[in-house]
Amino acid sequence: MNKKMSYTWHLRTLMAERGHFATSDLVPLLAERGVHLSREQVYRLVTTTPQRLSLDVFAALCDILDVDPSDLIEITTANVSVTKPTGTAEAGHAPPVRRTTIRRPTGT
């Protein structure tokens, strides 16, 4: 059994619950906490799940929204079974062997 890790990013829903409906609302709030991101970066942060995230940005978001880190990111694990080949299936037939023939020029 292998474990598959996944996570859900709740930034957009937490912003809506607190009355922040525009992504640009976060830009000045982040700047107050020493995090300087462009409007485009904040838009991507809100609308997509980030693959990498600075701890400074993460801490600032938790402070702005007054939430714990576990409220912002929900981590889930699932057991995934690994199927391995058993060798019991019928093997296909091997292609016929092709032998090379040497053709020598005939002397005239």
N, C-alpha and C. Protein backbone atom coordinates (compact mmCIF):
# COMPACT_ATOMS: atom_id res chain seq x y z
N MET A 1 0.84 -1.18 0.00
CA MET A 1 0.00 0.00 0.00
C MET A 1 0.88 1.25 0.00
N ASN A 2 0.56 2.16 -0.85
CA ASN A 2 1.21 3.46 -0.88
C ASN A 2 0.20 4.51 -0.43
N LYS A 3 0.71 5.60 0.12
CA LYS A 3 -0.17 6.70 0.51
C LYS A 3 -0.08 7.79 -0.53
N LYS A 4 -1.24 8.28 -0.93
CA LYS A 4 -1.30 9.40 -1.86
C LYS A 4 -1.74 10.62 -1.08
N MET A 5 -0.92 11.65 -1.12
CA MET A 5 -1.20 12.88 -0.39
C MET A 5 -1.85 13.89 -1.35
N SER A 6 -2.86 14.58 -0.87
CA SER A 6 -3.46 15.67 -1.62
C SER A 6 -3.88 16.75 -0.64
N TYR A 7 -4.12 17.92 -1.16
CA TYR A 7 -4.52 19.02 -0.28
C TYR A 7 -5.50 19.92 -1.00
N THR A 8 -6.28 20.64 -0.20
CA THR A 8 -7.27 21.57 -0.72
C THR A 8 -6.95 22.95 -0.19
N TRP A 9 -6.94 23.92 -1.07
CA TRP A 9 -6.60 25.31 -0.75
C TRP A 9 -7.89 26.09 -0.56
N HIS A 10 -8.12 26.62 0.64
CA HIS A 10 -9.38 27.27 0.99
C HIS A 10 -9.30 28.80 1.02
N LEU A 11 -8.32 29.40 0.39
CA LEU A 11 -8.14 30.85 0.48
C LEU A 11 -9.35 31.61 -0.06
N ARG A 12 -9.84 31.22 -1.22
CA ARG A 12 -10.96 31.96 -1.83
C ARG A 12 -12.22 31.91 -0.96
N THR A 13 -12.55 30.74 -0.41
CA THR A 13 -13.76 30.64 0.41
C THR A 13 -13.60 31.40 1.72
N LEU A 14 -12.40 31.37 2.31
CA LEU A 14 -12.17 32.12 3.55
C LEU A 14 -12.24 33.62 3.30
N MET A 15 -11.74 34.06 2.15
CA MET A 15 -11.85 35.48 1.82
C MET A 15 -13.31 35.89 1.68
N ALA A 16 -14.11 35.07 1.01
CA ALA A 16 -15.53 35.39 0.81
C ALA A 16 -16.28 35.44 2.13
N GLU A 17 -15.94 34.52 3.04
CA GLU A 17 -16.60 34.52 4.35
C GLU A 17 -16.31 35.79 5.15
N ARG A 18 -15.16 36.41 4.87
CA ARG A 18 -14.77 37.60 5.61
C ARG A 18 -15.02 38.89 4.82
N GLY A 19 -15.72 38.79 3.69
CA GLY A 19 -16.12 39.98 2.94
C GLY A 19 -15.08 40.50 1.96
N HIS A 20 -14.05 39.75 1.67
CA HIS A 20 -13.05 40.15 0.68
C HIS A 20 -13.39 39.43 -0.63
N PHE A 21 -14.09 40.14 -1.52
CA PHE A 21 -14.55 39.50 -2.75
C PHE A 21 -13.64 39.79 -3.95
N ALA A 22 -12.74 40.74 -3.83
CA ALA A 22 -11.80 41.05 -4.91
C ALA A 22 -10.40 40.62 -4.48
N THR A 23 -9.69 40.02 -5.41
CA THR A 23 -8.34 39.56 -5.07
C THR A 23 -7.42 40.73 -4.77
N SER A 24 -7.70 41.88 -5.37
CA SER A 24 -6.85 43.06 -5.12
C SER A 24 -7.01 43.60 -3.71
N ASP A 25 -8.02 43.15 -2.96
CA ASP A 25 -8.16 43.56 -1.56
C ASP A 25 -6.98 43.09 -0.71
N LEU A 26 -6.36 42.00 -1.13
CA LEU A 26 -5.26 41.44 -0.33
C LEU A 26 -3.95 42.19 -0.51
N VAL A 27 -3.76 42.89 -1.63
CA VAL A 27 -2.47 43.53 -1.91
C VAL A 27 -2.06 44.50 -0.81
N PRO A 28 -2.89 45.47 -0.41
CA PRO A 28 -2.45 46.38 0.66
C PRO A 28 -2.35 45.68 2.02
N LEU A 29 -3.19 44.70 2.27
CA LEU A 29 -3.13 43.99 3.54
C LEU A 29 -1.84 43.18 3.66
N LEU A 30 -1.41 42.59 2.56
CA LEU A 30 -0.13 41.87 2.56
C LEU A 30 1.03 42.85 2.71
N ALA A 31 0.93 44.01 2.05
CA ALA A 31 2.00 45.01 2.13
C ALA A 31 2.17 45.53 3.56
N GLU A 32 1.07 45.65 4.30
CA GLU A 32 1.16 46.07 5.71
C GLU A 32 1.97 45.09 6.54
N ARG A 33 2.00 43.85 6.11
CA ARG A 33 2.72 42.79 6.84
C ARG A 33 4.08 42.48 6.22
N GLY A 34 4.54 43.34 5.33
CA GLY A 34 5.87 43.20 4.75
C GLY A 34 5.96 42.25 3.58
N VAL A 35 4.84 41.84 3.01
CA VAL A 35 4.83 40.95 1.85
C VAL A 35 4.38 41.76 0.65
N HIS A 36 5.27 41.90 -0.32
CA HIS A 36 4.97 42.72 -1.50
C HIS A 36 4.80 41.82 -2.71
N LEU A 37 3.55 41.65 -3.12
CA LEU A 37 3.20 40.85 -4.29
C LEU A 37 2.42 41.73 -5.26
N SER A 38 2.56 41.45 -6.55
CA SER A 38 1.79 42.19 -7.55
C SER A 38 0.33 41.69 -7.55
N ARG A 39 -0.53 42.46 -8.21
CA ARG A 39 -1.94 42.05 -8.30
C ARG A 39 -2.06 40.71 -9.00
N GLU A 40 -1.23 40.49 -10.03
CA GLU A 40 -1.28 39.23 -10.78
C GLU A 40 -0.86 38.05 -9.90
N GLN A 41 0.16 38.24 -9.08
CA GLN A 41 0.60 37.17 -8.19
C GLN A 41 -0.47 36.84 -7.16
N VAL A 42 -1.12 37.87 -6.63
CA VAL A 42 -2.18 37.64 -5.65
C VAL A 42 -3.36 36.95 -6.32
N TYR A 43 -3.68 37.34 -7.55
CA TYR A 43 -4.78 36.70 -8.28
C TYR A 43 -4.51 35.20 -8.44
N ARG A 44 -3.28 34.84 -8.86
CA ARG A 44 -2.93 33.42 -9.01
C ARG A 44 -2.96 32.70 -7.68
N LEU A 45 -2.56 33.38 -6.62
CA LEU A 45 -2.56 32.78 -5.29
C LEU A 45 -3.98 32.45 -4.83
N VAL A 46 -4.93 33.31 -5.18
CA VAL A 46 -6.32 33.12 -4.76
C VAL A 46 -7.04 32.12 -5.66
N THR A 47 -6.83 32.20 -6.95
CA THR A 47 -7.64 31.40 -7.88
C THR A 47 -7.11 30.00 -8.15
N THR A 48 -5.83 29.76 -7.91
CA THR A 48 -5.27 28.43 -8.14
C THR A 48 -4.60 27.92 -6.87
N THR A 49 -4.45 26.62 -6.79
CA THR A 49 -3.77 26.02 -5.64
C THR A 49 -2.27 26.12 -5.86
N PRO A 50 -1.55 26.78 -4.95
CA PRO A 50 -0.11 26.95 -5.15
C PRO A 50 0.65 25.64 -4.93
N GLN A 51 1.69 25.44 -5.72
CA GLN A 51 2.57 24.28 -5.54
C GLN A 51 3.65 24.60 -4.51
N ARG A 52 4.11 25.85 -4.51
CA ARG A 52 5.11 26.32 -3.54
C ARG A 52 4.58 27.61 -2.94
N LEU A 53 4.88 27.82 -1.66
CA LEU A 53 4.37 29.01 -0.98
C LEU A 53 5.37 29.43 0.08
N SER A 54 5.73 30.70 0.07
CA SER A 54 6.64 31.24 1.07
C SER A 54 5.96 31.23 2.44
N LEU A 55 6.73 30.91 3.47
CA LEU A 55 6.16 30.92 4.82
C LEU A 55 5.75 32.32 5.24
N ASP A 56 6.45 33.34 4.74
CA ASP A 56 6.06 34.72 5.05
C ASP A 56 4.67 35.02 4.49
N VAL A 57 4.42 34.60 3.26
CA VAL A 57 3.11 34.82 2.64
C VAL A 57 2.04 34.02 3.38
N PHE A 58 2.37 32.78 3.71
CA PHE A 58 1.42 31.90 4.40
C PHE A 58 1.05 32.48 5.77
N ALA A 59 2.05 32.94 6.52
CA ALA A 59 1.80 33.52 7.84
C ALA A 59 0.98 34.81 7.72
N ALA A 60 1.28 35.62 6.70
CA ALA A 60 0.53 36.86 6.50
C ALA A 60 -0.93 36.56 6.15
N LEU A 61 -1.17 35.56 5.31
CA LEU A 61 -2.55 35.20 4.97
C LEU A 61 -3.31 34.71 6.19
N CYS A 62 -2.66 33.91 7.03
CA CYS A 62 -3.31 33.43 8.25
C CYS A 62 -3.64 34.59 9.17
N ASP A 63 -2.75 35.59 9.25
CA ASP A 63 -2.99 36.75 10.10
C ASP A 63 -4.11 37.62 9.54
N ILE A 64 -4.11 37.85 8.23
CA ILE A 64 -5.14 38.69 7.60
C ILE A 64 -6.52 38.09 7.79
N LEU A 65 -6.63 36.78 7.58
CA LEU A 65 -7.93 36.12 7.66
C LEU A 65 -8.26 35.64 9.06
N ASP A 66 -7.31 35.78 9.98
CA ASP A 66 -7.48 35.35 11.38
C ASP A 66 -7.89 33.88 11.45
N VAL A 67 -7.07 33.04 10.79
CA VAL A 67 -7.32 31.60 10.77
C VAL A 67 -6.05 30.85 11.15
N ASP A 68 -6.21 29.58 11.45
CA ASP A 68 -5.07 28.70 11.68
C ASP A 68 -4.61 28.14 10.34
N PRO A 69 -3.36 27.68 10.26
CA PRO A 69 -2.89 27.08 9.00
C PRO A 69 -3.76 25.91 8.53
N SER A 70 -4.30 25.14 9.46
CA SER A 70 -5.14 24.00 9.07
C SER A 70 -6.47 24.45 8.46
N ASP A 71 -6.88 25.69 8.72
CA ASP A 71 -8.10 26.21 8.09
C ASP A 71 -7.83 26.59 6.63
N LEU A 72 -6.61 27.01 6.35
CA LEU A 72 -6.26 27.46 5.00
C LEU A 72 -5.92 26.29 4.08
N ILE A 73 -5.27 25.27 4.62
CA ILE A 73 -4.91 24.09 3.83
C ILE A 73 -5.47 22.85 4.50
N GLU A 74 -6.24 22.08 3.75
CA GLU A 74 -6.78 20.81 4.25
C GLU A 74 -6.01 19.68 3.57
N ILE A 75 -5.31 18.90 4.36
CA ILE A 75 -4.49 17.81 3.83
C ILE A 75 -5.25 16.49 3.97
N THR A 76 -5.30 15.72 2.89
CA THR A 76 -5.97 14.42 2.93
C THR A 76 -5.00 13.36 2.42
N THR A 77 -5.13 12.16 2.98
CA THR A 77 -4.32 11.04 2.52
C THR A 77 -5.25 9.90 2.13
N ALA A 78 -4.81 9.12 1.18
CA ALA A 78 -5.58 7.97 0.74
C ALA A 78 -4.62 6.82 0.48
N ASN A 79 -5.01 5.64 0.91
CA ASN A 79 -4.20 4.45 0.63
C ASN A 79 -4.48 3.99 -0.79
N VAL A 80 -3.43 3.79 -1.54
CA VAL A 80 -3.55 3.37 -2.93
C VAL A 80 -2.83 2.04 -3.07
N SER A 81 -3.53 1.04 -3.58
CA SER A 81 -2.89 -0.26 -3.76
C SER A 81 -2.05 -0.24 -5.03
N VAL A 82 -0.95 -0.93 -4.96
CA VAL A 82 -0.04 -1.00 -6.09
C VAL A 82 -0.21 -2.35 -6.77
N THR A 83 -0.53 -2.35 -8.04
CA THR A 83 -0.65 -3.60 -8.78
C THR A 83 0.68 -3.91 -9.45
N LYS A 84 1.16 -5.09 -9.16
CA LYS A 84 2.43 -5.52 -9.74
C LYS A 84 2.15 -6.64 -10.73
N PRO A 85 2.94 -6.72 -11.78
CA PRO A 85 2.74 -7.82 -12.73
C PRO A 85 3.07 -9.16 -12.06
N THR A 86 2.22 -10.16 -12.31
CA THR A 86 2.41 -11.46 -11.66
C THR A 86 3.06 -12.47 -12.58
N GLY A 87 3.06 -12.24 -13.85
CA GLY A 87 3.65 -13.18 -14.78
C GLY A 87 2.74 -14.34 -15.12
N THR A 88 1.47 -14.28 -14.74
CA THR A 88 0.54 -15.38 -15.02
C THR A 88 -0.21 -15.18 -16.32
N ALA A 89 -0.12 -14.00 -16.90
CA ALA A 89 -0.84 -13.76 -18.15
C ALA A 89 -0.14 -14.49 -19.29
N GLU A 90 -0.91 -14.83 -20.32
CA GLU A 90 -0.35 -15.54 -21.46
C GLU A 90 0.58 -14.60 -22.22
N ALA A 91 1.78 -15.07 -22.43
CA ALA A 91 2.76 -14.25 -23.13
C ALA A 91 2.47 -14.29 -24.62
N GLY A 92 2.75 -13.19 -25.30
CA GLY A 92 2.56 -13.15 -26.75
C GLY A 92 3.65 -13.95 -27.44
N HIS A 93 3.40 -14.30 -28.67
CA HIS A 93 4.38 -15.07 -29.43
C HIS A 93 5.50 -14.15 -29.88
N ALA A 94 6.70 -14.68 -29.84
CA ALA A 94 7.86 -13.92 -30.29
C ALA A 94 7.84 -13.84 -31.81
N PRO A 95 8.30 -12.76 -32.38
CA PRO A 95 8.33 -12.66 -33.84
C PRO A 95 9.32 -13.68 -34.40
N PRO A 96 9.10 -14.11 -35.64
CA PRO A 96 10.01 -15.10 -36.23
C PRO A 96 11.42 -14.52 -36.36
N VAL A 97 12.40 -15.40 -36.25
CA VAL A 97 13.79 -14.99 -36.34
C VAL A 97 14.14 -14.75 -37.80
N ARG A 98 14.75 -13.63 -38.08
CA ARG A 98 15.17 -13.33 -39.45
C ARG A 98 16.67 -13.56 -39.53
N ARG A 99 17.06 -14.44 -40.38
CA ARG A 99 18.48 -14.72 -40.57
C ARG A 99 18.99 -13.88 -41.74
N THR A 100 20.18 -13.37 -41.57
CA THR A 100 20.76 -12.59 -42.66
C THR A 100 21.42 -13.53 -43.66
N THR A 101 21.34 -13.16 -44.89
CA THR A 101 22.02 -13.93 -45.93
C THR A 101 23.06 -13.03 -46.57
N ILE A 102 24.21 -13.59 -46.77
CA ILE A 102 25.30 -12.82 -47.38
C ILE A 102 25.24 -13.05 -48.88
N ARG A 103 25.14 -11.99 -49.60
CA ARG A 103 25.09 -12.07 -51.06
C ARG A 103 26.43 -11.59 -51.59
N ARG A 104 27.10 -12.49 -52.26
CA ARG A 104 28.40 -12.14 -52.81
C ARG A 104 28.24 -11.87 -54.31
N PRO A 105 28.92 -10.88 -54.74
CA PRO A 105 28.81 -10.61 -56.18
C PRO A 105 29.42 -11.76 -56.99
N THR A 106 28.78 -12.06 -58.07
CA THR A 106 29.30 -13.12 -58.93
C THR A 106 30.39 -12.55 -59.82
N GLY A 107 31.47 -13.22 -59.92
CA GLY A 107 32.60 -12.73 -60.71
C GLY A 107 32.39 -12.93 -62.20
N THR A 108 32.73 -11.98 -63.00
CA THR A 108 32.61 -12.11 -64.45
C THR A 108 33.94 -12.14 -65.12
